[in-house]
Amino acid sequence: MAQDPLVHSHRMNYAPEEITPQGLQLKREAGEFRIQWKDGRESVFASVMLRKNCPCATCRTERETQVTELLPILKQAPVTDIGMVNARLVGTYAVQLTWSDGHDTGLFDFKYLRLLDDEQRRKA
């Protein structure tokens, strides 16, 4: 069974500049969320990838049980048909994404986003 990236992210020791964003940009039409990190790296996340890795309890439970390819909150549309419509900072540690189906309970902390970027780069 694959390791849960959210659990793994809390074990990672990143330097502060690696998990401190300098700029955040939501490109709705392109289906991208971009982060410019303080250490100079830029991360580009596709909407589908972020939705599939939503850290909220409902989505995590669905991934862990692997009952269906559709998340319980997505009865009508597969993840690939859902887009990001808003991004909002939560304090200095996370961003909350709102999706076109209204789902907005996942808080993507910056350490988790950096880990997701590291995983994307390893797979590329």
PDB file of N, CA and C in Angstrom:
ATOM      1  N   MET A   1       0.835  -1.171   0.000  1.00  0.00           N
ATOM      2  CA  MET A   1       0.000   0.000   0.000  1.00  0.00           C
ATOM      3  C   MET A   1       0.886   1.242   0.000  1.00  0.00           C
ATOM      4  N   ALA A   2       0.537   2.238  -0.806  1.00  0.00           N
ATOM      5  CA  ALA A   2       1.312   3.461  -0.909  1.00  0.00           C
ATOM      6  C   ALA A   2       1.217   4.265   0.383  1.00  0.00           C
ATOM      7  N   GLN A   3       2.314   4.951   0.683  1.00  0.00           N
ATOM      8  CA  GLN A   3       2.340   5.764   1.895  1.00  0.00           C
ATOM      9  C   GLN A   3       1.524   7.035   1.685  1.00  0.00           C
ATOM     10  N   ASP A   4       0.753   7.409   2.674  1.00  0.00           N
ATOM     11  CA  ASP A   4      -0.065   8.618   2.626  1.00  0.00           C
ATOM     12  C   ASP A   4       0.866   9.828   2.676  1.00  0.00           C
ATOM     13  N   PRO A   5       0.857  10.688   1.619  1.00  0.00           N
ATOM     14  CA  PRO A   5       1.764  11.829   1.624  1.00  0.00           C
ATOM     15  C   PRO A   5       1.505  12.798   2.766  1.00  0.00           C
ATOM     16  N   LEU A   6       0.279  12.899   3.245  1.00  0.00           N
ATOM     17  CA  LEU A   6      -0.019  13.806   4.347  1.00  0.00           C
ATOM     18  C   LEU A   6       0.680  13.351   5.622  1.00  0.00           C
ATOM     19  N   VAL A   7       0.625  12.062   5.900  1.00  0.00           N
ATOM     20  CA  VAL A   7       1.305  11.522   7.075  1.00  0.00           C
ATOM     21  C   VAL A   7       2.810  11.685   6.903  1.00  0.00           C
ATOM     22  N   HIS A   8       3.306  11.383   5.709  1.00  0.00           N
ATOM     23  CA  HIS A   8       4.729  11.485   5.422  1.00  0.00           C
ATOM     24  C   HIS A   8       5.211  12.931   5.566  1.00  0.00           C
ATOM     25  N   SER A   9       4.385  13.917   5.188  1.00  0.00           N
ATOM     26  CA  SER A   9       4.797  15.322   5.229  1.00  0.00           C
ATOM     27  C   SER A   9       5.111  15.773   6.651  1.00  0.00           C
ATOM     28  N   HIS A  10       4.445  15.222   7.623  1.00  0.00           N
ATOM     29  CA  HIS A  10       4.684  15.644   8.996  1.00  0.00           C
ATOM     30  C   HIS A  10       5.960  15.045   9.570  1.00  0.00           C
ATOM     31  N   ARG A  11       6.565  14.127   8.853  1.00  0.00           N
ATOM     32  CA  ARG A  11       7.850  13.560   9.270  1.00  0.00           C
ATOM     33  C   ARG A  11       9.028  14.239   8.576  1.00  0.00           C
ATOM     34  N   MET A  12       8.749  15.002   7.531  1.00  0.00           N
ATOM     35  CA  MET A  12       9.805  15.648   6.755  1.00  0.00           C
ATOM     36  C   MET A  12      10.320  16.877   7.500  1.00  0.00           C
ATOM     37  N   ASN A  13      11.616  17.095   7.413  1.00  0.00           N
ATOM     38  CA  ASN A  13      12.228  18.275   8.016  1.00  0.00           C
ATOM     39  C   ASN A  13      12.706  19.192   6.904  1.00  0.00           C
ATOM     40  N   TYR A  14      11.897  20.161   6.576  1.00  0.00           N
ATOM     41  CA  TYR A  14      12.258  21.147   5.570  1.00  0.00           C
ATOM     42  C   TYR A  14      12.837  22.371   6.260  1.00  0.00           C
ATOM     43  N   ALA A  15      13.765  23.033   5.587  1.00  0.00           N
ATOM     44  CA  ALA A  15      14.270  24.317   6.072  1.00  0.00           C
ATOM     45  C   ALA A  15      13.142  25.341   5.944  1.00  0.00           C
ATOM     46  N   PRO A  16      13.108  26.352   6.817  1.00  0.00           N
ATOM     47  CA  PRO A  16      12.021  27.337   6.771  1.00  0.00           C
ATOM     48  C   PRO A  16      11.817  27.971   5.393  1.00  0.00           C
ATOM     49  N   GLU A  17      12.885  28.276   4.683  1.00  0.00           N
ATOM     50  CA  GLU A  17      12.737  28.911   3.366  1.00  0.00           C
ATOM     51  C   GLU A  17      12.138  27.956   2.326  1.00  0.00           C
ATOM     52  N   GLU A  18      12.209  26.657   2.574  1.00  0.00           N
ATOM     53  CA  GLU A  18      11.632  25.682   1.656  1.00  0.00           C
ATOM     54  C   GLU A  18      10.113  25.575   1.786  1.00  0.00           C
ATOM     55  N   ILE A  19       9.574  26.013   2.910  1.00  0.00           N
ATOM     56  CA  ILE A  19       8.122  25.923   3.118  1.00  0.00           C
ATOM     57  C   ILE A  19       7.500  27.300   3.386  1.00  0.00           C
ATOM     58  N   THR A  20       8.222  28.350   2.978  1.00  0.00           N
ATOM     59  CA  THR A  20       7.701  29.708   3.110  1.00  0.00           C
ATOM     60  C   THR A  20       7.433  30.262   1.713  1.00  0.00           C
ATOM     61  N   PRO A  21       6.171  30.485   1.389  1.00  0.00           N
ATOM     62  CA  PRO A  21       5.861  31.014   0.057  1.00  0.00           C
ATOM     63  C   PRO A  21       6.132  32.518  -0.028  1.00  0.00           C
ATOM     64  N   GLN A  22       6.593  32.949  -1.195  1.00  0.00           N
ATOM     65  CA  GLN A  22       6.741  34.386  -1.466  1.00  0.00           C
ATOM     66  C   GLN A  22       5.611  34.866  -2.351  1.00  0.00           C
ATOM     67  N   GLY A  23       5.042  33.954  -3.114  1.00  0.00           N
ATOM     68  CA  GLY A  23       3.944  34.316  -3.996  1.00  0.00           C
ATOM     69  C   GLY A  23       3.052  33.126  -4.273  1.00  0.00           C
ATOM     70  N   LEU A  24       1.756  33.385  -4.319  1.00  0.00           N
ATOM     71  CA  LEU A  24       0.763  32.357  -4.630  1.00  0.00           C
ATOM     72  C   LEU A  24      -0.074  32.872  -5.795  1.00  0.00           C
ATOM     73  N   GLN A  25      -0.362  31.990  -6.737  1.00  0.00           N
ATOM     74  CA  GLN A  25      -1.165  32.404  -7.888  1.00  0.00           C
ATOM     75  C   GLN A  25      -2.088  31.270  -8.309  1.00  0.00           C
ATOM     76  N   LEU A  26      -3.378  31.571  -8.363  1.00  0.00           N
ATOM     77  CA  LEU A  26      -4.373  30.623  -8.847  1.00  0.00           C
ATOM     78  C   LEU A  26      -4.697  30.989 -10.285  1.00  0.00           C
ATOM     79  N   LYS A  27      -4.463  30.070 -11.203  1.00  0.00           N
ATOM     80  CA  LYS A  27      -4.787  30.279 -12.618  1.00  0.00           C
ATOM     81  C   LYS A  27      -5.962  29.370 -12.939  1.00  0.00           C
ATOM     82  N   ARG A  28      -7.167  29.889 -12.757  1.00  0.00           N
ATOM     83  CA  ARG A  28      -8.383  29.088 -12.919  1.00  0.00           C
ATOM     84  C   ARG A  28      -8.498  28.482 -14.310  1.00  0.00           C
ATOM     85  N   GLU A  29      -8.316  29.321 -15.334  1.00  0.00           N
ATOM     86  CA  GLU A  29      -8.499  28.839 -16.719  1.00  0.00           C
ATOM     87  C   GLU A  29      -7.512  27.739 -17.074  1.00  0.00           C
ATOM     88  N   ALA A  30      -6.292  27.852 -16.563  1.00  0.00           N
ATOM     89  CA  ALA A  30      -5.266  26.840 -16.840  1.00  0.00           C
ATOM     90  C   ALA A  30      -5.380  25.641 -15.903  1.00  0.00           C
ATOM     91  N   GLY A  31      -6.194  25.761 -14.859  1.00  0.00           N
ATOM     92  CA  GLY A  31      -6.315  24.674 -13.890  1.00  0.00           C
ATOM     93  C   GLY A  31      -5.048  24.463 -13.094  1.00  0.00           C
ATOM     94  N   GLU A  32      -4.389  25.569 -12.723  1.00  0.00           N
ATOM     95  CA  GLU A  32      -3.113  25.487 -12.013  1.00  0.00           C
ATOM     96  C   GLU A  32      -3.115  26.352 -10.755  1.00  0.00           C
ATOM     97  N   PHE A  33      -2.327  25.904  -9.795  1.00  0.00           N
ATOM     98  CA  PHE A  33      -2.033  26.687  -8.608  1.00  0.00           C
ATOM     99  C   PHE A  33      -0.515  26.745  -8.518  1.00  0.00           C
ATOM    100  N   ARG A  34       0.037  27.958  -8.461  1.00  0.00           N
ATOM    101  CA  ARG A  34       1.492  28.147  -8.464  1.00  0.00           C
ATOM    102  C   ARG A  34       1.955  28.743  -7.138  1.00  0.00           C
ATOM    103  N   ILE A  35       3.118  28.270  -6.707  1.00  0.00           N
ATOM    104  CA  ILE A  35       3.745  28.810  -5.503  1.00  0.00           C
ATOM    105  C   ILE A  35       5.193  29.154  -5.840  1.00  0.00           C
ATOM    106  N   GLN A  36       5.582  30.376  -5.524  1.00  0.00           N
ATOM    107  CA  GLN A  36       6.983  30.771  -5.584  1.00  0.00           C
ATOM    108  C   GLN A  36       7.492  30.720  -4.152  1.00  0.00           C
ATOM    109  N   TRP A  37       8.455  29.826  -3.899  1.00  0.00           N
ATOM    110  CA  TRP A  37       8.967  29.625  -2.551  1.00  0.00           C
ATOM    111  C   TRP A  37      10.108  30.590  -2.259  1.00  0.00           C
ATOM    112  N   LYS A  38      10.347  30.844  -0.984  1.00  0.00           N
ATOM    113  CA  LYS A  38      11.396  31.768  -0.544  1.00  0.00           C
ATOM    114  C   LYS A  38      12.782  31.296  -0.990  1.00  0.00           C
ATOM    115  N   ASP A  39      12.971  29.978  -1.156  1.00  0.00           N
ATOM    116  CA  ASP A  39      14.271  29.462  -1.582  1.00  0.00           C
ATOM    117  C   ASP A  39      14.474  29.534  -3.098  1.00  0.00           C
ATOM    118  N   GLY A  40      13.498  30.096  -3.827  1.00  0.00           N
ATOM    119  CA  GLY A  40      13.639  30.285  -5.269  1.00  0.00           C
ATOM    120  C   GLY A  40      12.927  29.248  -6.130  1.00  0.00           C
ATOM    121  N   ARG A  41      12.505  28.156  -5.567  1.00  0.00           N
ATOM    122  CA  ARG A  41      11.797  27.135  -6.346  1.00  0.00           C
ATOM    123  C   ARG A  41      10.389  27.605  -6.678  1.00  0.00           C
ATOM    124  N   GLU A  42       9.906  27.203  -7.843  1.00  0.00           N
ATOM    125  CA  GLU A  42       8.509  27.439  -8.191  1.00  0.00           C
ATOM    126  C   GLU A  42       7.824  26.089  -8.339  1.00  0.00           C
ATOM    127  N   SER A  43       6.662  25.966  -7.706  1.00  0.00           N
ATOM    128  CA  SER A  43       5.861  24.745  -7.804  1.00  0.00           C
ATOM    129  C   SER A  43       4.614  25.054  -8.618  1.00  0.00           C
ATOM    130  N   VAL A  44       4.279  24.139  -9.518  1.00  0.00           N
ATOM    131  CA  VAL A  44       3.061  24.264 -10.311  1.00  0.00           C
ATOM    132  C   VAL A  44       2.245  22.999 -10.078  1.00  0.00           C
ATOM    133  N   PHE A  45       1.035  23.191  -9.556  1.00  0.00           N
ATOM    134  CA  PHE A  45       0.165  22.064  -9.231  1.00  0.00           C
ATOM    135  C   PHE A  45      -1.058  22.085 -10.135  1.00  0.00           C
ATOM    136  N   ALA A  46      -1.343  20.968 -10.778  1.00  0.00           N
ATOM    137  CA  ALA A  46      -2.565  20.829 -11.567  1.00  0.00           C
ATOM    138  C   ALA A  46      -3.751  20.646 -10.621  1.00  0.00           C
ATOM    139  N   SER A  47      -4.864  21.200 -11.005  1.00  0.00           N
ATOM    140  CA  SER A  47      -6.086  21.110 -10.216  1.00  0.00           C
ATOM    141  C   SER A  47      -6.435  19.659  -9.874  1.00  0.00           C
ATOM    142  N   VAL A  48      -6.359  18.783 -10.848  1.00  0.00           N
ATOM    143  CA  VAL A  48      -6.710  17.376 -10.647  1.00  0.00           C
ATOM    144  C   VAL A  48      -5.809  16.739  -9.595  1.00  0.00           C
ATOM    145  N   MET A  49      -4.512  17.026  -9.654  1.00  0.00           N
ATOM    146  CA  MET A  49      -3.580  16.438  -8.692  1.00  0.00           C
ATOM    147  C   MET A  49      -3.892  16.907  -7.277  1.00  0.00           C
ATOM    148  N   LEU A  50      -4.151  18.205  -7.120  1.00  0.00           N
ATOM    149  CA  LEU A  50      -4.467  18.704  -5.784  1.00  0.00           C
ATOM    150  C   LEU A  50      -5.769  18.115  -5.264  1.00  0.00           C
ATOM    151  N   ARG A  51      -6.757  18.015  -6.140  1.00  0.00           N
ATOM    152  CA  ARG A  51      -8.043  17.460  -5.688  1.00  0.00           C
ATOM    153  C   ARG A  51      -7.893  16.005  -5.260  1.00  0.00           C
ATOM    154  N   LYS A  52      -7.116  15.250  -6.003  1.00  0.00           N
ATOM    155  CA  LYS A  52      -6.906  13.845  -5.648  1.00  0.00           C
ATOM    156  C   LYS A  52      -6.112  13.687  -4.356  1.00  0.00           C
ATOM    157  N   ASN A  53      -5.397  14.744  -3.949  1.00  0.00           N
ATOM    158  CA  ASN A  53      -4.601  14.706  -2.725  1.00  0.00           C
ATOM    159  C   ASN A  53      -5.151  15.636  -1.650  1.00  0.00           C
ATOM    160  N   CYS A  54      -6.442  15.942  -1.732  1.00  0.00           N
ATOM    161  CA  CYS A  54      -7.070  16.817  -0.745  1.00  0.00           C
ATOM    162  C   CYS A  54      -6.845  16.232   0.652  1.00  0.00           C
ATOM    163  N   PRO A  55      -6.361  17.063   1.591  1.00  0.00           N
ATOM    164  CA  PRO A  55      -6.055  16.540   2.921  1.00  0.00           C
ATOM    165  C   PRO A  55      -7.223  16.505   3.901  1.00  0.00           C
ATOM    166  N   CYS A  56      -8.431  16.844   3.466  1.00  0.00           N
ATOM    167  CA  CYS A  56      -9.553  16.830   4.422  1.00  0.00           C
ATOM    168  C   CYS A  56      -9.859  15.392   4.855  1.00  0.00           C
ATOM    169  N   ALA A  57     -10.536  15.264   5.974  1.00  0.00           N
ATOM    170  CA  ALA A  57     -10.834  13.947   6.550  1.00  0.00           C
ATOM    171  C   ALA A  57     -11.665  13.083   5.599  1.00  0.00           C
ATOM    172  N   THR A  58     -12.646  13.671   4.940  1.00  0.00           N
ATOM    173  CA  THR A  58     -13.499  12.901   4.028  1.00  0.00           C
ATOM    174  C   THR A  58     -12.693  12.328   2.870  1.00  0.00           C
ATOM    175  N   CYS A  59     -11.875  13.171   2.249  1.00  0.00           N
ATOM    176  CA  CYS A  59     -11.086  12.712   1.102  1.00  0.00           C
ATOM    177  C   CYS A  59     -10.014  11.710   1.517  1.00  0.00           C
ATOM    178  N   ARG A  60      -9.371  11.954   2.657  1.00  0.00           N
ATOM    179  CA  ARG A  60      -8.358  11.005   3.132  1.00  0.00           C
ATOM    180  C   ARG A  60      -8.975   9.647   3.420  1.00  0.00           C
ATOM    181  N   THR A  61     -10.134   9.629   4.058  1.00  0.00           N
ATOM    182  CA  THR A  61     -10.811   8.369   4.352  1.00  0.00           C
ATOM    183  C   THR A  61     -11.151   7.639   3.062  1.00  0.00           C
ATOM    184  N   GLU A  62     -11.631   8.377   2.073  1.00  0.00           N
ATOM    185  CA  GLU A  62     -11.976   7.759   0.784  1.00  0.00           C
ATOM    186  C   GLU A  62     -10.747   7.148   0.131  1.00  0.00           C
ATOM    187  N   ARG A  63      -9.616   7.856   0.166  1.00  0.00           N
ATOM    188  CA  ARG A  63      -8.388   7.311  -0.427  1.00  0.00           C
ATOM    189  C   ARG A  63      -7.943   6.063   0.323  1.00  0.00           C
ATOM    190  N   GLU A  64      -8.045   6.099   1.637  1.00  0.00           N
ATOM    191  CA  GLU A  64      -7.601   4.962   2.453  1.00  0.00           C
ATOM    192  C   GLU A  64      -8.463   3.730   2.228  1.00  0.00           C
ATOM    193  N   THR A  65      -9.755   3.910   2.065  1.00  0.00           N
ATOM    194  CA  THR A  65     -10.635   2.766   1.870  1.00  0.00           C
ATOM    195  C   THR A  65     -10.653   2.305   0.420  1.00  0.00           C
ATOM    196  N   GLN A  66     -10.326   3.195  -0.504  1.00  0.00           N
ATOM    197  CA  GLN A  66     -10.279   2.888  -1.940  1.00  0.00           C
ATOM    198  C   GLN A  66     -11.522   2.156  -2.410  1.00  0.00           C
ATOM    199  N   VAL A  67     -12.680   2.613  -1.927  1.00  0.00           N
ATOM    200  CA  VAL A  67     -13.941   1.980  -2.294  1.00  0.00           C
ATOM    201  C   VAL A  67     -14.332   2.311  -3.729  1.00  0.00           C
ATOM    202  N   THR A  68     -14.104   3.532  -4.144  1.00  0.00           N
ATOM    203  CA  THR A  68     -14.512   3.965  -5.467  1.00  0.00           C
ATOM    204  C   THR A  68     -13.546   5.008  -5.981  1.00  0.00           C
ATOM    205  N   GLU A  69     -13.555   5.259  -7.275  1.00  0.00           N
ATOM    206  CA  GLU A  69     -12.713   6.309  -7.828  1.00  0.00           C
ATOM    207  C   GLU A  69     -13.324   7.683  -7.631  1.00  0.00           C
ATOM    208  N   LEU A  70     -14.588   7.741  -7.318  1.00  0.00           N
ATOM    209  CA  LEU A  70     -15.244   9.019  -7.054  1.00  0.00           C
ATOM    210  C   LEU A  70     -15.243   9.287  -5.565  1.00  0.00           C
ATOM    211  N   LEU A  71     -14.935  10.516  -5.197  1.00  0.00           N
ATOM    212  CA  LEU A  71     -15.010  10.887  -3.795  1.00  0.00           C
ATOM    213  C   LEU A  71     -16.478  10.996  -3.404  1.00  0.00           C
ATOM    214  N   PRO A  72     -16.827  10.732  -2.150  1.00  0.00           N
ATOM    215  CA  PRO A  72     -18.232  10.748  -1.749  1.00  0.00           C
ATOM    216  C   PRO A  72     -18.910  12.084  -2.010  1.00  0.00           C
ATOM    217  N   ILE A  73     -18.177  13.156  -1.988  1.00  0.00           N
ATOM    218  CA  ILE A  73     -18.763  14.468  -2.225  1.00  0.00           C
ATOM    219  C   ILE A  73     -18.894  14.776  -3.708  1.00  0.00           C
ATOM    220  N   LEU A  74     -18.432  13.864  -4.544  1.00  0.00           N
ATOM    221  CA  LEU A  74     -18.455  14.077  -5.984  1.00  0.00           C
ATOM    222  C   LEU A  74     -19.353  13.061  -6.679  1.00  0.00           C
ATOM    223  N   LYS A  75     -20.525  12.878  -6.196  1.00  0.00           N
ATOM    224  CA  LYS A  75     -21.412  11.854  -6.749  1.00  0.00           C
ATOM    225  C   LYS A  75     -21.693  12.063  -8.235  1.00  0.00           C
ATOM    226  N   GLN A  76     -21.742  13.312  -8.679  1.00  0.00           N
ATOM    227  CA  GLN A  76     -22.133  13.597 -10.062  1.00  0.00           C
ATOM    228  C   GLN A  76     -20.964  13.715 -11.032  1.00  0.00           C
ATOM    229  N   ALA A  77     -19.784  14.083 -10.561  1.00  0.00           N
ATOM    230  CA  ALA A  77     -18.693  14.362 -11.482  1.00  0.00           C
ATOM    231  C   ALA A  77     -17.395  13.739 -10.996  1.00  0.00           C
ATOM    232  N   PRO A  78     -16.623  13.165 -11.924  1.00  0.00           N
ATOM    233  CA  PRO A  78     -15.312  12.661 -11.520  1.00  0.00           C
ATOM    234  C   PRO A  78     -14.378  13.822 -11.194  1.00  0.00           C
ATOM    235  N   VAL A  79     -13.330  13.536 -10.452  1.00  0.00           N
ATOM    236  CA  VAL A  79     -12.375  14.550 -10.030  1.00  0.00           C
ATOM    237  C   VAL A  79     -11.851  15.366 -11.205  1.00  0.00           C
ATOM    238  N   THR A  80     -11.671  14.746 -12.349  1.00  0.00           N
ATOM    239  CA  THR A  80     -11.109  15.448 -13.501  1.00  0.00           C
ATOM    240  C   THR A  80     -12.008  16.562 -14.015  1.00  0.00           C
ATOM    241  N   ASP A  81     -13.296  16.562 -13.658  1.00  0.00           N
ATOM    242  CA  ASP A  81     -14.222  17.597 -14.107  1.00  0.00           C
ATOM    243  C   ASP A  81     -14.347  18.749 -13.113  1.00  0.00           C
ATOM    244  N   ILE A  82     -13.614  18.704 -12.019  1.00  0.00           N
ATOM    245  CA  ILE A  82     -13.716  19.699 -10.970  1.00  0.00           C
ATOM    246  C   ILE A  82     -12.546  20.670 -11.091  1.00  0.00           C
ATOM    247  N   GLY A  83     -12.831  21.963 -10.984  1.00  0.00           N
ATOM    248  CA  GLY A  83     -11.775  22.966 -11.057  1.00  0.00           C
ATOM    249  C   GLY A  83     -11.682  23.787  -9.793  1.00  0.00           C
ATOM    250  N   MET A  84     -10.561  24.457  -9.623  1.00  0.00           N
ATOM    251  CA  MET A  84     -10.372  25.358  -8.490  1.00  0.00           C
ATOM    252  C   MET A  84     -11.029  26.695  -8.820  1.00  0.00           C
ATOM    253  N   VAL A  85     -11.758  27.246  -7.866  1.00  0.00           N
ATOM    254  CA  VAL A  85     -12.391  28.543  -8.095  1.00  0.00           C
ATOM    255  C   VAL A  85     -11.869  29.620  -7.152  1.00  0.00           C
ATOM    256  N   ASN A  86     -11.229  29.227  -6.053  1.00  0.00           N
ATOM    257  CA  ASN A  86     -10.720  30.220  -5.123  1.00  0.00           C
ATOM    258  C   ASN A  86      -9.611  29.609  -4.270  1.00  0.00           C
ATOM    259  N   ALA A  87      -8.712  30.475  -3.831  1.00  0.00           N
ATOM    260  CA  ALA A  87      -7.654  30.087  -2.903  1.00  0.00           C
ATOM    261  C   ALA A  87      -7.565  31.184  -1.848  1.00  0.00           C
ATOM    262  N   ARG A  88      -7.471  30.763  -0.591  1.00  0.00           N
ATOM    263  CA  ARG A  88      -7.440  31.730   0.498  1.00  0.00           C
ATOM    264  C   ARG A  88      -6.390  31.287   1.518  1.00  0.00           C
ATOM    265  N   LEU A  89      -5.566  32.247   1.957  1.00  0.00           N
ATOM    266  CA  LEU A  89      -4.574  31.951   2.978  1.00  0.00           C
ATOM    267  C   LEU A  89      -5.248  31.657   4.301  1.00  0.00           C
ATOM    268  N   VAL A  90      -4.696  30.700   5.023  1.00  0.00           N
ATOM    269  CA  VAL A  90      -5.142  30.373   6.377  1.00  0.00           C
ATOM    270  C   VAL A  90      -3.939  30.636   7.268  1.00  0.00           C
ATOM    271  N   GLY A  91      -3.969  31.759   7.955  1.00  0.00           N
ATOM    272  CA  GLY A  91      -2.818  32.150   8.763  1.00  0.00           C
ATOM    273  C   GLY A  91      -1.584  32.258   7.895  1.00  0.00           C
ATOM    274  N   THR A  92      -0.466  31.776   8.422  1.00  0.00           N
ATOM    275  CA  THR A  92       0.792  31.793   7.674  1.00  0.00           C
ATOM    276  C   THR A  92       1.261  30.387   7.325  1.00  0.00           C
ATOM    277  N   TYR A  93       0.376  29.398   7.509  1.00  0.00           N
ATOM    278  CA  TYR A  93       0.825  28.012   7.354  1.00  0.00           C
ATOM    279  C   TYR A  93       0.125  27.218   6.259  1.00  0.00           C
ATOM    280  N   ALA A  94      -0.971  27.728   5.694  1.00  0.00           N
ATOM    281  CA  ALA A  94      -1.741  26.898   4.765  1.00  0.00           C
ATOM    282  C   ALA A  94      -2.549  27.747   3.790  1.00  0.00           C
ATOM    283  N   VAL A  95      -3.097  27.045   2.796  1.00  0.00           N
ATOM    284  CA  VAL A  95      -4.021  27.653   1.846  1.00  0.00           C
ATOM    285  C   VAL A  95      -5.251  26.747   1.780  1.00  0.00           C
ATOM    286  N   GLN A  96      -6.415  27.377   1.703  1.00  0.00           N
ATOM    287  CA  GLN A  96      -7.674  26.648   1.572  1.00  0.00           C
ATOM    288  C   GLN A  96      -8.162  26.835   0.141  1.00  0.00           C
ATOM    289  N   LEU A  97      -8.341  25.744  -0.564  1.00  0.00           N
ATOM    290  CA  LEU A  97      -8.820  25.790  -1.944  1.00  0.00           C
ATOM    291  C   LEU A  97     -10.313  25.498  -1.972  1.00  0.00           C
ATOM    292  N   THR A  98     -11.016  26.227  -2.800  1.00  0.00           N
ATOM    293  CA  THR A  98     -12.444  25.980  -3.021  1.00  0.00           C
ATOM    294  C   THR A  98     -12.584  25.452  -4.438  1.00  0.00           C
ATOM    295  N   TRP A  99     -13.367  24.398  -4.592  1.00  0.00           N
ATOM    296  CA  TRP A  99     -13.534  23.719  -5.868  1.00  0.00           C
ATOM    297  C   TRP A  99     -14.894  24.067  -6.468  1.00  0.00           C
ATOM    298  N   SER A 100     -15.034  23.836  -7.747  1.00  0.00           N
ATOM    299  CA  SER A 100     -16.254  24.211  -8.478  1.00  0.00           C
ATOM    300  C   SER A 100     -17.501  23.483  -7.994  1.00  0.00           C
ATOM    301  N   ASP A 101     -17.339  22.386  -7.268  1.00  0.00           N
ATOM    302  CA  ASP A 101     -18.505  21.688  -6.711  1.00  0.00           C
ATOM    303  C   ASP A 101     -18.811  22.144  -5.288  1.00  0.00           C
ATOM    304  N   GLY A 102     -18.085  23.165  -4.792  1.00  0.00           N
ATOM    305  CA  GLY A 102     -18.321  23.703  -3.469  1.00  0.00           C
ATOM    306  C   GLY A 102     -17.446  23.118  -2.368  1.00  0.00           C
ATOM    307  N   HIS A 103     -16.703  22.062  -2.650  1.00  0.00           N
ATOM    308  CA  HIS A 103     -15.844  21.444  -1.633  1.00  0.00           C
ATOM    309  C   HIS A 103     -14.746  22.428  -1.236  1.00  0.00           C
ATOM    310  N   ASP A 104     -14.572  22.636   0.078  1.00  0.00           N
ATOM    311  CA  ASP A 104     -13.561  23.588   0.531  1.00  0.00           C
ATOM    312  C   ASP A 104     -13.009  23.268   1.917  1.00  0.00           C
ATOM    313  N   THR A 105     -13.102  22.036   2.341  1.00  0.00           N
ATOM    314  CA  THR A 105     -12.695  21.703   3.707  1.00  0.00           C
ATOM    315  C   THR A 105     -11.232  21.296   3.837  1.00  0.00           C
ATOM    316  N   GLY A 106     -10.514  21.130   2.744  1.00  0.00           N
ATOM    317  CA  GLY A 106      -9.113  20.745   2.822  1.00  0.00           C
ATOM    318  C   GLY A 106      -8.204  21.940   3.036  1.00  0.00           C
ATOM    319  N   LEU A 107      -7.383  21.891   4.070  1.00  0.00           N
ATOM    320  CA  LEU A 107      -6.366  22.915   4.288  1.00  0.00           C
ATOM    321  C   LEU A 107      -5.024  22.332   3.867  1.00  0.00           C
ATOM    322  N   PHE A 108      -4.453  22.898   2.819  1.00  0.00           N
ATOM    323  CA  PHE A 108      -3.175  22.435   2.280  1.00  0.00           C
ATOM    324  C   PHE A 108      -2.065  23.220   2.974  1.00  0.00           C
ATOM    325  N   ASP A 109      -1.432  22.619   4.002  1.00  0.00           N
ATOM    326  CA  ASP A 109      -0.352  23.350   4.654  1.00  0.00           C
ATOM    327  C   ASP A 109       0.853  23.359   3.723  1.00  0.00           C
ATOM    328  N   PHE A 110       1.727  24.359   3.913  1.00  0.00           N
ATOM    329  CA  PHE A 110       2.821  24.565   2.968  1.00  0.00           C
ATOM    330  C   PHE A 110       3.842  23.439   2.998  1.00  0.00           C
ATOM    331  N   LYS A 111       4.005  22.788   4.118  1.00  0.00           N
ATOM    332  CA  LYS A 111       4.903  21.633   4.186  1.00  0.00           C
ATOM    333  C   LYS A 111       4.358  20.492   3.312  1.00  0.00           C
ATOM    334  N   TYR A 112       3.061  20.271   3.373  1.00  0.00           N
ATOM    335  CA  TYR A 112       2.414  19.239   2.558  1.00  0.00           C
ATOM    336  C   TYR A 112       2.534  19.577   1.075  1.00  0.00           C
ATOM    337  N   LEU A 113       2.325  20.842   0.714  1.00  0.00           N
ATOM    338  CA  LEU A 113       2.448  21.241  -0.694  1.00  0.00           C
ATOM    339  C   LEU A 113       3.882  21.068  -1.192  1.00  0.00           C
ATOM    340  N   ARG A 114       4.854  21.355  -0.355  1.00  0.00           N
ATOM    341  CA  ARG A 114       6.251  21.168  -0.769  1.00  0.00           C
ATOM    342  C   ARG A 114       6.535  19.684  -0.995  1.00  0.00           C
ATOM    343  N   LEU A 115       6.003  18.844  -0.123  1.00  0.00           N
ATOM    344  CA  LEU A 115       6.173  17.399  -0.288  1.00  0.00           C
ATOM    345  C   LEU A 115       5.512  16.928  -1.583  1.00  0.00           C
ATOM    346  N   LEU A 116       4.308  17.408  -1.868  1.00  0.00           N
ATOM    347  CA  LEU A 116       3.638  17.029  -3.123  1.00  0.00           C
ATOM    348  C   LEU A 116       4.470  17.460  -4.323  1.00  0.00           C
ATOM    349  N   ASP A 117       5.088  18.640  -4.251  1.00  0.00           N
ATOM    350  CA  ASP A 117       5.948  19.088  -5.332  1.00  0.00           C
ATOM    351  C   ASP A 117       7.162  18.185  -5.469  1.00  0.00           C
ATOM    352  N   ASP A 118       7.759  17.811  -4.353  1.00  0.00           N
ATOM    353  CA  ASP A 118       8.921  16.893  -4.393  1.00  0.00           C
ATOM    354  C   ASP A 118       8.523  15.573  -5.068  1.00  0.00           C
ATOM    355  N   GLU A 119       7.354  15.056  -4.727  1.00  0.00           N
ATOM    356  CA  GLU A 119       6.877  13.801  -5.327  1.00  0.00           C
ATOM    357  C   GLU A 119       6.639  13.965  -6.830  1.00  0.00           C
ATOM    358  N   GLN A 120       6.060  15.096  -7.233  1.00  0.00           N
ATOM    359  CA  GLN A 120       5.854  15.350  -8.667  1.00  0.00           C
ATOM    360  C   GLN A 120       7.196  15.344  -9.409  1.00  0.00           C
ATOM    361  N   ARG A 121       8.190  15.974  -8.837  1.00  0.00           N
ATOM    362  CA  ARG A 121       9.503  16.064  -9.481  1.00  0.00           C
ATOM    363  C   ARG A 121      10.185  14.697  -9.567  1.00  0.00           C
ATOM    364  N   ARG A 122       9.992  13.867  -8.543  1.00  0.00           N
ATOM    365  CA  ARG A 122      10.579  12.514  -8.593  1.00  0.00           C
ATOM    366  C   ARG A 122       9.939  11.669  -9.693  1.00  0.00           C
ATOM    367  N   LYS A 123       8.646  11.862  -9.900  1.00  0.00           N
ATOM    368  CA  LYS A 123       7.935  11.074 -10.912  1.00  0.00           C
ATOM    369  C   LYS A 123       8.172  11.567 -12.326  1.00  0.00           C
ATOM    370  N   ALA A 124       8.600  12.820 -12.460  1.00  0.00           N
ATOM    371  CA  ALA A 124       8.811  13.424 -13.810  1.00  0.00           C
ATOM    372  C   ALA A 124      10.051  12.914 -14.480  1.00  0.00           C
TER     373      ALA A 124
END
